[in-house]
């Protein structure tokens, strides 16, 4: 579940934001051009994967990074020591290029 949650660039961006400090759901949603409901779905996936915790304080729901899940995934990946660290953004660009190649005129062919 951790790797599935990390596969999405929006969720990776949310985790990067939560590295700084705990945030209210509305503050998490602010920089994204999507609905609060869509952000809530992303937060639910991150929560189910154990990457964040959500806590209600008064009327506000706060999100907090849970580093143990990332640490466990990192330790598991280090077990494959012959591999270099994975740049997930570069991997995503590679997949986009493979499944949506650009022709010589600069137009997507897929």
PDB file of N, CA and C in Angstrom:
ATOM      1  N   UNK A   1       0.818  -1.199   0.000  1.00  0.00           N
ATOM      2  CA  UNK A   1       0.000   0.000   0.000  1.00  0.00           C
ATOM      3  C   UNK A   1       0.865   1.267   0.000  1.00  0.00           C
ATOM      4  N   UNK A   2       2.017   1.198   0.671  1.00  0.00           N
ATOM      5  CA  UNK A   2       2.894   2.370   0.727  1.00  0.00           C
ATOM      6  C   UNK A   2       3.357   2.757  -0.671  1.00  0.00           C
ATOM      7  N   UNK A   3       3.824   1.782  -1.444  1.00  0.00           N
ATOM      8  CA  UNK A   3       4.335   2.093  -2.773  1.00  0.00           C
ATOM      9  C   UNK A   3       3.215   2.548  -3.703  1.00  0.00           C
ATOM     10  N   UNK A   4       2.042   1.996  -3.546  1.00  0.00           N
ATOM     11  CA  UNK A   4       0.896   2.430  -4.334  1.00  0.00           C
ATOM     12  C   UNK A   4       0.553   3.886  -4.006  1.00  0.00           C
ATOM     13  N   UNK A   5       0.579   4.230  -2.742  1.00  0.00           N
ATOM     14  CA  UNK A   5       0.298   5.605  -2.328  1.00  0.00           C
ATOM     15  C   UNK A   5       1.357   6.571  -2.863  1.00  0.00           C
ATOM     16  N   UNK A   6       2.600   6.132  -2.869  1.00  0.00           N
ATOM     17  CA  UNK A   6       3.700   6.987  -3.331  1.00  0.00           C
ATOM     18  C   UNK A   6       3.742   7.135  -4.846  1.00  0.00           C
ATOM     19  N   UNK A   7       2.982   6.328  -5.557  1.00  0.00           N
ATOM     20  CA  UNK A   7       3.014   6.359  -7.026  1.00  0.00           C
ATOM     21  C   UNK A   7       2.406   7.629  -7.602  1.00  0.00           C
ATOM     22  N   UNK A   8       1.602   8.325  -6.837  1.00  0.00           N
ATOM     23  CA  UNK A   8       0.908   9.505  -7.352  1.00  0.00           C
ATOM     24  C   UNK A   8       1.674  10.782  -7.011  1.00  0.00           C
ATOM     25  N   UNK A   9       1.919  11.653  -7.990  1.00  0.00           N
ATOM     26  CA  UNK A   9       2.688  12.882  -7.727  1.00  0.00           C
ATOM     27  C   UNK A   9       1.995  13.846  -6.761  1.00  0.00           C
ATOM     28  N   UNK A  10       0.673  13.877  -6.759  1.00  0.00           N
ATOM     29  CA  UNK A  10      -0.033  14.739  -5.810  1.00  0.00           C
ATOM     30  C   UNK A  10       0.216  14.271  -4.388  1.00  0.00           C
ATOM     31  N   UNK A  11       0.163  12.965  -4.180  1.00  0.00           N
ATOM     32  CA  UNK A  11       0.397  12.436  -2.830  1.00  0.00           C
ATOM     33  C   UNK A  11       1.843  12.650  -2.395  1.00  0.00           C
ATOM     34  N   UNK A  12       2.786  12.540  -3.329  1.00  0.00           N
ATOM     35  CA  UNK A  12       4.180  12.823  -2.975  1.00  0.00           C
ATOM     36  C   UNK A  12       4.341  14.292  -2.599  1.00  0.00           C
ATOM     37  N   UNK A  13       3.653  15.181  -3.304  1.00  0.00           N
ATOM     38  CA  UNK A  13       3.716  16.608  -2.987  1.00  0.00           C
ATOM     39  C   UNK A  13       3.119  16.880  -1.606  1.00  0.00           C
ATOM     40  N   UNK A  14       2.032  16.207  -1.293  1.00  0.00           N
ATOM     41  CA  UNK A  14       1.414  16.367   0.031  1.00  0.00           C
ATOM     42  C   UNK A  14       2.387  15.931   1.116  1.00  0.00           C
ATOM     43  N   UNK A  15       3.047  14.793   0.925  1.00  0.00           N
ATOM     44  CA  UNK A  15       4.016  14.328   1.915  1.00  0.00           C
ATOM     45  C   UNK A  15       5.150  15.330   2.083  1.00  0.00           C
ATOM     46  N   UNK A  16       5.611  15.907   0.985  1.00  0.00           N
ATOM     47  CA  UNK A  16       6.684  16.906   1.056  1.00  0.00           C
ATOM     48  C   UNK A  16       6.228  18.117   1.875  1.00  0.00           C
ATOM     49  N   UNK A  17       4.977  18.519   1.692  1.00  0.00           N
ATOM     50  CA  UNK A  17       4.442  19.640   2.467  1.00  0.00           C
ATOM     51  C   UNK A  17       4.391  19.300   3.956  1.00  0.00           C
ATOM     52  N   UNK A  18       4.019  18.069   4.264  1.00  0.00           N
ATOM     53  CA  UNK A  18       3.884  17.664   5.664  1.00  0.00           C
ATOM     54  C   UNK A  18       5.233  17.426   6.342  1.00  0.00           C
ATOM     55  N   UNK A  19       6.307  17.396   5.549  1.00  0.00           N
ATOM     56  CA  UNK A  19       7.646  17.323   6.152  1.00  0.00           C
ATOM     57  C   UNK A  19       7.922  18.561   6.994  1.00  0.00           C
ATOM     58  N   UNK A  20       7.345  19.695   6.578  1.00  0.00           N
ATOM     59  CA  UNK A  20       7.575  20.964   7.268  1.00  0.00           C
ATOM     60  C   UNK A  20       6.870  21.014   8.616  1.00  0.00           C
ATOM     61  N   UNK A  21       5.591  20.618   8.634  1.00  0.00           N
ATOM     62  CA  UNK A  21       4.799  20.722   9.860  1.00  0.00           C
ATOM     63  C   UNK A  21       3.438  20.073   9.636  1.00  0.00           C
ATOM     64  N   UNK A  22       2.702  19.846  10.719  1.00  0.00           N
ATOM     65  CA  UNK A  22       1.320  19.384  10.607  1.00  0.00           C
ATOM     66  C   UNK A  22       0.519  20.465   9.886  1.00  0.00           C
ATOM     67  N   UNK A  23      -0.502  20.050   9.133  1.00  0.00           N
ATOM     68  CA  UNK A  23      -1.308  21.011   8.388  1.00  0.00           C
ATOM     69  C   UNK A  23      -2.783  20.638   8.463  1.00  0.00           C
ATOM     70  N   UNK A  24      -3.629  21.666   8.449  1.00  0.00           N
ATOM     71  CA  UNK A  24      -5.063  21.451   8.342  1.00  0.00           C
ATOM     72  C   UNK A  24      -5.366  20.998   6.916  1.00  0.00           C
ATOM     73  N   UNK A  25      -6.410  20.203   6.754  1.00  0.00           N
ATOM     74  CA  UNK A  25      -6.785  19.691   5.432  1.00  0.00           C
ATOM     75  C   UNK A  25      -6.966  20.833   4.439  1.00  0.00           C
ATOM     76  N   UNK A  26      -7.592  21.914   4.864  1.00  0.00           N
ATOM     77  CA  UNK A  26      -7.804  23.038   3.943  1.00  0.00           C
ATOM     78  C   UNK A  26      -6.485  23.667   3.510  1.00  0.00           C
ATOM     79  N   UNK A  27      -5.487  23.681   4.391  1.00  0.00           N
ATOM     80  CA  UNK A  27      -4.173  24.210   4.024  1.00  0.00           C
ATOM     81  C   UNK A  27      -3.448  23.271   3.063  1.00  0.00           C
ATOM     82  N   UNK A  28      -3.644  21.975   3.255  1.00  0.00           N
ATOM     83  CA  UNK A  28      -3.058  20.992   2.333  1.00  0.00           C
ATOM     84  C   UNK A  28      -3.645  21.197   0.942  1.00  0.00           C
ATOM     85  N   UNK A  29      -4.946  21.448   0.875  1.00  0.00           N
ATOM     86  CA  UNK A  29      -5.636  21.561  -0.408  1.00  0.00           C
ATOM     87  C   UNK A  29      -5.304  22.846  -1.158  1.00  0.00           C
ATOM     88  N   UNK A  30      -4.912  23.884  -0.439  1.00  0.00           N
ATOM     89  CA  UNK A  30      -4.761  25.220  -1.027  1.00  0.00           C
ATOM     90  C   UNK A  30      -3.900  25.292  -2.295  1.00  0.00           C
ATOM     91  N   UNK A  31      -2.710  24.682  -2.341  1.00  0.00           N
ATOM     92  CA  UNK A  31      -1.881  24.857  -3.541  1.00  0.00           C
ATOM     93  C   UNK A  31      -2.308  24.014  -4.744  1.00  0.00           C
ATOM     94  N   UNK A  32      -3.273  23.141  -4.569  1.00  0.00           N
ATOM     95  CA  UNK A  32      -3.665  22.239  -5.650  1.00  0.00           C
ATOM     96  C   UNK A  32      -4.912  22.752  -6.370  1.00  0.00           C
ATOM     97  N   UNK A  33      -4.937  22.543  -7.665  1.00  0.00           N
ATOM     98  CA  UNK A  33      -6.108  22.940  -8.452  1.00  0.00           C
ATOM     99  C   UNK A  33      -7.060  21.757  -8.578  1.00  0.00           C
ATOM    100  N   UNK A  34      -7.596  21.349  -7.438  1.00  0.00           N
ATOM    101  CA  UNK A  34      -8.584  20.271  -7.404  1.00  0.00           C
ATOM    102  C   UNK A  34      -9.496  20.506  -6.218  1.00  0.00           C
ATOM    103  N   UNK A  35     -10.597  19.806  -6.211  1.00  0.00           N
ATOM    104  CA  UNK A  35     -11.593  20.004  -5.154  1.00  0.00           C
ATOM    105  C   UNK A  35     -11.090  19.488  -3.806  1.00  0.00           C
ATOM    106  N   UNK A  36     -11.715  19.977  -2.766  1.00  0.00           N
ATOM    107  CA  UNK A  36     -11.408  19.503  -1.424  1.00  0.00           C
ATOM    108  C   UNK A  36     -11.722  18.017  -1.301  1.00  0.00           C
ATOM    109  N   UNK A  37     -12.767  17.564  -1.993  1.00  0.00           N
ATOM    110  CA  UNK A  37     -13.120  16.143  -1.973  1.00  0.00           C
ATOM    111  C   UNK A  37     -12.005  15.297  -2.602  1.00  0.00           C
ATOM    112  N   UNK A  38     -11.413  15.782  -3.684  1.00  0.00           N
ATOM    113  CA  UNK A  38     -10.317  15.049  -4.329  1.00  0.00           C
ATOM    114  C   UNK A  38      -9.101  14.986  -3.414  1.00  0.00           C
ATOM    115  N   UNK A  39      -8.786  16.100  -2.754  1.00  0.00           N
ATOM    116  CA  UNK A  39      -7.660  16.101  -1.801  1.00  0.00           C
ATOM    117  C   UNK A  39      -7.954  15.140  -0.659  1.00  0.00           C
ATOM    118  N   UNK A  40      -9.199  15.126  -0.191  1.00  0.00           N
ATOM    119  CA  UNK A  40      -9.579  14.214   0.895  1.00  0.00           C
ATOM    120  C   UNK A  40      -9.376  12.761   0.498  1.00  0.00           C
ATOM    121  N   UNK A  41      -9.648  12.431  -0.766  1.00  0.00           N
ATOM    122  CA  UNK A  41      -9.409  11.059  -1.237  1.00  0.00           C
ATOM    123  C   UNK A  41      -7.919  10.736  -1.204  1.00  0.00           C
ATOM    124  N   UNK A  42      -7.088  11.686  -1.655  1.00  0.00           N
ATOM    125  CA  UNK A  42      -5.641  11.475  -1.592  1.00  0.00           C
ATOM    126  C   UNK A  42      -5.184  11.283  -0.142  1.00  0.00           C
ATOM    127  N   UNK A  43      -5.718  12.101   0.758  1.00  0.00           N
ATOM    128  CA  UNK A  43      -5.357  11.983   2.170  1.00  0.00           C
ATOM    129  C   UNK A  43      -5.809  10.645   2.742  1.00  0.00           C
ATOM    130  N   UNK A  44      -6.956  10.166   2.301  1.00  0.00           N
ATOM    131  CA  UNK A  44      -7.438   8.859   2.753  1.00  0.00           C
ATOM    132  C   UNK A  44      -6.502   7.745   2.337  1.00  0.00           C
ATOM    133  N   UNK A  45      -6.006   7.812   1.116  1.00  0.00           N
ATOM    134  CA  UNK A  45      -5.066   6.791   0.626  1.00  0.00           C
ATOM    135  C   UNK A  45      -3.767   6.853   1.422  1.00  0.00           C
ATOM    136  N   UNK A  46      -3.271   8.070   1.666  1.00  0.00           N
ATOM    137  CA  UNK A  46      -2.045   8.221   2.458  1.00  0.00           C
ATOM    138  C   UNK A  46      -2.242   7.708   3.879  1.00  0.00           C
ATOM    139  N   UNK A  47      -3.425   7.951   4.428  1.00  0.00           N
ATOM    140  CA  UNK A  47      -3.734   7.491   5.778  1.00  0.00           C
ATOM    141  C   UNK A  47      -3.823   5.966   5.839  1.00  0.00           C
ATOM    142  N   UNK A  48      -4.519   5.362   4.873  1.00  0.00           N
ATOM    143  CA  UNK A  48      -4.647   3.908   4.832  1.00  0.00           C
ATOM    144  C   UNK A  48      -3.284   3.230   4.680  1.00  0.00           C
ATOM    145  N   UNK A  49      -2.370   3.883   3.985  1.00  0.00           N
ATOM    146  CA  UNK A  49      -1.021   3.334   3.807  1.00  0.00           C
ATOM    147  C   UNK A  49      -0.157   3.568   5.044  1.00  0.00           C
ATOM    148  N   UNK A  50      -0.671   4.310   6.012  1.00  0.00           N
ATOM    149  CA  UNK A  50       0.087   4.581   7.234  1.00  0.00           C
ATOM    150  C   UNK A  50       1.104   5.700   7.083  1.00  0.00           C
ATOM    151  N   UNK A  51       1.040   6.444   5.985  1.00  0.00           N
ATOM    152  CA  UNK A  51       2.011   7.508   5.735  1.00  0.00           C
ATOM    153  C   UNK A  51       1.661   8.806   6.462  1.00  0.00           C
ATOM    154  N   UNK A  52       0.381   9.001   6.743  1.00  0.00           N
ATOM    155  CA  UNK A  52      -0.047  10.170   7.518  1.00  0.00           C
ATOM    156  C   UNK A  52      -1.064   9.736   8.558  1.00  0.00           C
ATOM    157  N   UNK A  53      -1.245  10.585   9.546  1.00  0.00           N
ATOM    158  CA  UNK A  53      -2.320  10.416  10.530  1.00  0.00           C
ATOM    159  C   UNK A  53      -3.197  11.654  10.441  1.00  0.00           C
ATOM    160  N   UNK A  54      -4.497  11.469  10.605  1.00  0.00           N
ATOM    161  CA  UNK A  54      -5.430  12.599  10.634  1.00  0.00           C
ATOM    162  C   UNK A  54      -6.037  12.676  12.023  1.00  0.00           C
ATOM    163  N   UNK A  55      -6.126  13.896  12.522  1.00  0.00           N
ATOM    164  CA  UNK A  55      -6.621  14.107  13.880  1.00  0.00           C
ATOM    165  C   UNK A  55      -7.554  15.311  13.885  1.00  0.00           C
ATOM    166  N   UNK A  56      -8.709  15.161  14.514  1.00  0.00           N
ATOM    167  CA  UNK A  56      -9.651  16.269  14.608  1.00  0.00           C
ATOM    168  C   UNK A  56      -9.331  17.079  15.857  1.00  0.00           C
ATOM    169  N   UNK A  57      -9.074  18.368  15.639  1.00  0.00           N
ATOM    170  CA  UNK A  57      -8.832  19.305  16.744  1.00  0.00           C
ATOM    171  C   UNK A  57      -9.901  20.392  16.636  1.00  0.00           C
ATOM    172  N   UNK A  58     -10.883  20.316  17.503  1.00  0.00           N
ATOM    173  CA  UNK A  58     -12.020  21.225  17.386  1.00  0.00           C
ATOM    174  C   UNK A  58     -12.795  20.887  16.128  1.00  0.00           C
ATOM    175  N   UNK A  59     -12.960  21.860  15.259  1.00  0.00           N
ATOM    176  CA  UNK A  59     -13.679  21.633  14.004  1.00  0.00           C
ATOM    177  C   UNK A  59     -12.745  21.359  12.838  1.00  0.00           C
ATOM    178  N   UNK A  60     -11.460  21.368  13.089  1.00  0.00           N
ATOM    179  CA  UNK A  60     -10.467  21.263  12.022  1.00  0.00           C
ATOM    180  C   UNK A  60      -9.797  19.891  12.044  1.00  0.00           C
ATOM    181  N   UNK A  61      -9.650  19.298  10.858  1.00  0.00           N
ATOM    182  CA  UNK A  61      -8.920  18.032  10.740  1.00  0.00           C
ATOM    183  C   UNK A  61      -7.493  18.350  10.332  1.00  0.00           C
ATOM    184  N   UNK A  62      -6.552  17.860  11.124  1.00  0.00           N
ATOM    185  CA  UNK A  62      -5.125  18.097  10.895  1.00  0.00           C
ATOM    186  C   UNK A  62      -4.477  16.832  10.355  1.00  0.00           C
ATOM    187  N   UNK A  63      -3.477  17.015   9.517  1.00  0.00           N
ATOM    188  CA  UNK A  63      -2.710  15.905   8.943  1.00  0.00           C
ATOM    189  C   UNK A  63      -1.286  15.973   9.471  1.00  0.00           C
ATOM    190  N   UNK A  64      -0.763  14.806   9.777  1.00  0.00           N
ATOM    191  CA  UNK A  64       0.583  14.721  10.338  1.00  0.00           C
ATOM    192  C   UNK A  64       1.324  13.590   9.635  1.00  0.00           C
ATOM    193  N   UNK A  65       2.553  13.839   9.262  1.00  0.00           N
ATOM    194  CA  UNK A  65       3.382  12.825   8.618  1.00  0.00           C
ATOM    195  C   UNK A  65       3.701  11.710   9.616  1.00  0.00           C
ATOM    196  N   UNK A  66       3.628  10.466   9.164  1.00  0.00           N
ATOM    197  CA  UNK A  66       3.997   9.306   9.971  1.00  0.00           C
ATOM    198  C   UNK A  66       5.237   8.680   9.327  1.00  0.00           C
ATOM    199  N   UNK A  67       6.423   9.066   9.759  1.00  0.00           N
ATOM    200  CA  UNK A  67       7.645   8.651   9.064  1.00  0.00           C
ATOM    201  C   UNK A  67       7.969   7.164   9.159  1.00  0.00           C
ATOM    202  N   UNK A  68       7.380   6.438  10.089  1.00  0.00           N
ATOM    203  CA  UNK A  68       7.712   5.025  10.238  1.00  0.00           C
ATOM    204  C   UNK A  68       7.384   4.210   8.993  1.00  0.00           C
ATOM    205  N   UNK A  69       6.285   4.525   8.310  1.00  0.00           N
ATOM    206  CA  UNK A  69       5.923   3.785   7.097  1.00  0.00           C
ATOM    207  C   UNK A  69       6.965   4.013   6.011  1.00  0.00           C
ATOM    208  N   UNK A  70       7.418   5.244   5.860  1.00  0.00           N
ATOM    209  CA  UNK A  70       8.467   5.533   4.873  1.00  0.00           C
ATOM    210  C   UNK A  70       9.774   4.847   5.258  1.00  0.00           C
ATOM    211  N   UNK A  71      10.061   4.857   6.544  1.00  0.00           N
ATOM    212  CA  UNK A  71      11.293   4.226   7.017  1.00  0.00           C
ATOM    213  C   UNK A  71      11.268   2.720   6.725  1.00  0.00           C
ATOM    214  N   UNK A  72      10.144   2.083   6.963  1.00  0.00           N
ATOM    215  CA  UNK A  72      10.010   0.656   6.694  1.00  0.00           C
ATOM    216  C   UNK A  72      10.198   0.364   5.212  1.00  0.00           C
ATOM    217  N   UNK A  73       9.577   1.180   4.357  1.00  0.00           N
ATOM    218  CA  UNK A  73       9.731   0.999   2.903  1.00  0.00           C
ATOM    219  C   UNK A  73      11.178   1.215   2.487  1.00  0.00           C
ATOM    220  N   UNK A  74      11.822   2.217   3.068  1.00  0.00           N
ATOM    221  CA  UNK A  74      13.218   2.508   2.736  1.00  0.00           C
ATOM    222  C   UNK A  74      14.130   1.358   3.146  1.00  0.00           C
ATOM    223  N   UNK A  75      13.900   0.816   4.317  1.00  0.00           N
ATOM    224  CA  UNK A  75      14.708  -0.320   4.778  1.00  0.00           C
ATOM    225  C   UNK A  75      14.505  -1.511   3.853  1.00  0.00           C
ATOM    226  N   UNK A  76      13.253  -1.746   3.440  1.00  0.00           N
ATOM    227  CA  UNK A  76      12.975  -2.855   2.532  1.00  0.00           C
ATOM    228  C   UNK A  76      13.726  -2.656   1.219  1.00  0.00           C
ATOM    229  N   UNK A  77      13.689  -1.428   0.671  1.00  0.00           N
ATOM    230  CA  UNK A  77      14.365  -1.147  -0.597  1.00  0.00           C
ATOM    231  C   UNK A  77      15.876  -1.246  -0.467  1.00  0.00           C
ATOM    232  N   UNK A  78      16.424  -0.902   0.690  1.00  0.00           N
ATOM    233  CA  UNK A  78      17.861  -1.000   0.894  1.00  0.00           C
ATOM    234  C   UNK A  78      18.335  -2.447   0.880  1.00  0.00           C
ATOM    235  N   UNK A  79      17.397  -3.363   1.111  1.00  0.00           N
ATOM    236  CA  UNK A  79      17.730  -4.781   1.022  1.00  0.00           C
ATOM    237  C   UNK A  79      18.140  -5.180  -0.385  1.00  0.00           C
ATOM    238  N   UNK A  80      17.791  -4.370  -1.347  1.00  0.00           N
ATOM    239  CA  UNK A  80      18.179  -4.586  -2.736  1.00  0.00           C
ATOM    240  C   UNK A  80      19.335  -3.649  -3.068  1.00  0.00           C
ATOM    241  N   UNK A  81      20.347  -3.665  -2.253  1.00  0.00           N
ATOM    242  CA  UNK A  81      21.455  -2.723  -2.296  1.00  0.00           C
ATOM    243  C   UNK A  81      22.097  -2.503  -3.647  1.00  0.00           C
ATOM    244  N   UNK A  82      21.935  -3.431  -4.567  1.00  0.00           N
ATOM    245  CA  UNK A  82      22.561  -3.259  -5.874  1.00  0.00           C
ATOM    246  C   UNK A  82      21.848  -2.215  -6.713  1.00  0.00           C
ATOM    247  N   UNK A  83      20.671  -1.770  -6.282  1.00  0.00           N
ATOM    248  CA  UNK A  83      19.919  -0.786  -7.043  1.00  0.00           C
ATOM    249  C   UNK A  83      20.221   0.614  -6.538  1.00  0.00           C
ATOM    250  N   UNK A  84      20.214   1.563  -7.453  1.00  0.00           N
ATOM    251  CA  UNK A  84      20.366   2.973  -7.105  1.00  0.00           C
ATOM    252  C   UNK A  84      19.037   3.475  -6.535  1.00  0.00           C
ATOM    253  N   UNK A  85      19.068   4.561  -5.761  1.00  0.00           N
ATOM    254  CA  UNK A  85      17.813   5.143  -5.297  1.00  0.00           C
ATOM    255  C   UNK A  85      16.917   5.498  -6.484  1.00  0.00           C
ATOM    256  N   UNK A  86      15.633   5.310  -6.305  1.00  0.00           N
ATOM    257  CA  UNK A  86      14.672   5.521  -7.389  1.00  0.00           C
ATOM    258  C   UNK A  86      14.171   6.962  -7.361  1.00  0.00           C
ATOM    259  N   UNK A  87      14.238   7.628  -8.514  1.00  0.00           N
ATOM    260  CA  UNK A  87      13.658   8.962  -8.685  1.00  0.00           C
ATOM    261  C   UNK A  87      12.261   8.745  -9.259  1.00  0.00           C
ATOM    262  N   UNK A  88      11.238   8.804  -8.390  1.00  0.00           N
ATOM    263  CA  UNK A  88       9.877   8.479  -8.815  1.00  0.00           C
ATOM    264  C   UNK A  88       9.361   9.451  -9.867  1.00  0.00           C
ATOM    265  N   UNK A  89       9.756  10.718  -9.790  1.00  0.00           N
ATOM    266  CA  UNK A  89       9.305  11.685 -10.795  1.00  0.00           C
ATOM    267  C   UNK A  89       9.897  11.348 -12.160  1.00  0.00           C
ATOM    268  N   UNK A  90      11.169  10.965 -12.199  1.00  0.00           N
ATOM    269  CA  UNK A  90      11.796  10.582 -13.468  1.00  0.00           C
ATOM    270  C   UNK A  90      11.153   9.307 -14.007  1.00  0.00           C
ATOM    271  N   UNK A  91      10.820   8.377 -13.128  1.00  0.00           N
ATOM    272  CA  UNK A  91      10.172   7.141 -13.547  1.00  0.00           C
ATOM    273  C   UNK A  91       8.793   7.437 -14.135  1.00  0.00           C
ATOM    274  N   UNK A  92       8.074   8.368 -13.517  1.00  0.00           N
ATOM    275  CA  UNK A  92       6.761   8.750 -14.025  1.00  0.00           C
ATOM    276  C   UNK A  92       6.889   9.377 -15.416  1.00  0.00           C
ATOM    277  N   UNK A  93       7.888  10.247 -15.623  1.00  0.00           N
ATOM    278  CA  UNK A  93       8.100  10.851 -16.942  1.00  0.00           C
ATOM    279  C   UNK A  93       8.429   9.781 -17.974  1.00  0.00           C
ATOM    280  N   UNK A  94       9.247   8.807 -17.591  1.00  0.00           N
ATOM    281  CA  UNK A  94       9.600   7.708 -18.490  1.00  0.00           C
ATOM    282  C   UNK A  94       8.345   6.951 -18.918  1.00  0.00           C
ATOM    283  N   UNK A  95       7.487   6.623 -17.948  1.00  0.00           N
ATOM    284  CA  UNK A  95       6.265   5.890 -18.272  1.00  0.00           C
ATOM    285  C   UNK A  95       5.351   6.707 -19.168  1.00  0.00           C
ATOM    286  N   UNK A  96       5.251   8.005 -18.903  1.00  0.00           N
ATOM    287  CA  UNK A  96       4.418   8.865 -19.744  1.00  0.00           C
ATOM    288  C   UNK A  96       4.945   8.877 -21.177  1.00  0.00           C
ATOM    289  N   UNK A  97       6.259   8.946 -21.332  1.00  0.00           N
ATOM    290  CA  UNK A  97       6.857   8.937 -22.672  1.00  0.00           C
ATOM    291  C   UNK A  97       6.627   7.606 -23.371  1.00  0.00           C
ATOM    292  N   UNK A  98       6.722   6.513 -22.625  1.00  0.00           N
ATOM    293  CA  UNK A  98       6.552   5.188 -23.210  1.00  0.00           C
ATOM    294  C   UNK A  98       5.116   4.936 -23.657  1.00  0.00           C
ATOM    295  N   UNK A  99       4.160   5.409 -22.852  1.00  0.00           N
ATOM    296  CA  UNK A  99       2.763   5.134 -23.150  1.00  0.00           C
ATOM    297  C   UNK A  99       2.078   6.256 -23.921  1.00  0.00           C
ATOM    298  N   UNK A 100       2.764   7.361 -24.121  1.00  0.00           N
ATOM    299  CA  UNK A 100       2.212   8.495 -24.850  1.00  0.00           C
ATOM    300  C   UNK A 100       3.327   9.136 -25.674  1.00  0.00           C
ATOM    301  N   UNK A 101       3.938   8.373 -26.598  1.00  0.00           N
ATOM    302  CA  UNK A 101       5.087   8.903 -27.334  1.00  0.00           C
ATOM    303  C   UNK A 101       4.715  10.108 -28.191  1.00  0.00           C
ATOM    304  N   UNK A 102       5.694  10.956 -28.424  1.00  0.00           N
ATOM    305  CA  UNK A 102       5.527  12.157 -29.235  1.00  0.00           C
ATOM    306  C   UNK A 102       6.099  11.870 -30.622  1.00  0.00           C
ATOM    307  N   UNK A 103       5.342  12.230 -31.683  1.00  0.00           N
ATOM    308  CA  UNK A 103       5.849  12.012 -33.042  1.00  0.00           C
ATOM    309  C   UNK A 103       6.783  13.160 -33.442  1.00  0.00           C
ATOM    310  N   UNK A 104       7.291  13.119 -34.666  1.00  0.00           N
ATOM    311  CA  UNK A 104       8.262  14.107 -35.105  1.00  0.00           C
ATOM    312  C   UNK A 104       7.689  15.530 -35.144  1.00  0.00           C
ATOM    313  N   UNK A 105       6.380  15.665 -35.283  1.00  0.00           N
ATOM    314  CA  UNK A 105       5.752  16.985 -35.320  1.00  0.00           C
ATOM    315  C   UNK A 105       5.478  17.515 -33.914  1.00  0.00           C
ATOM    316  N   UNK A 106       5.849  16.728 -32.894  1.00  0.00           N
ATOM    317  CA  UNK A 106       5.645  17.168 -31.513  1.00  0.00           C
ATOM    318  C   UNK A 106       4.250  16.875 -30.991  1.00  0.00           C
ATOM    319  N   UNK A 107       3.519  16.009 -31.660  1.00  0.00           N
ATOM    320  CA  UNK A 107       2.158  15.676 -31.231  1.00  0.00           C
ATOM    321  C   UNK A 107       2.137  14.309 -30.567  1.00  0.00           C
ATOM    322  N   UNK A 108       1.327  14.197 -29.525  1.00  0.00           N
ATOM    323  CA  UNK A 108       1.189  12.909 -28.848  1.00  0.00           C
ATOM    324  C   UNK A 108       0.533  11.912 -29.804  1.00  0.00           C
ATOM    325  N   UNK A 109       1.084  10.702 -29.840  1.00  0.00           N
ATOM    326  CA  UNK A 109       0.544   9.688 -30.746  1.00  0.00           C
ATOM    327  C   UNK A 109      -0.366   8.704 -30.035  1.00  0.00           C
ATOM    328  N   UNK A 110      -0.420   8.745 -28.712  1.00  0.00           N
ATOM    329  CA  UNK A 110      -1.200   7.735 -27.996  1.00  0.00           C
ATOM    330  C   UNK A 110      -2.450   8.165 -27.463  1.00  0.00           C
TER     331      UNK A 110
END
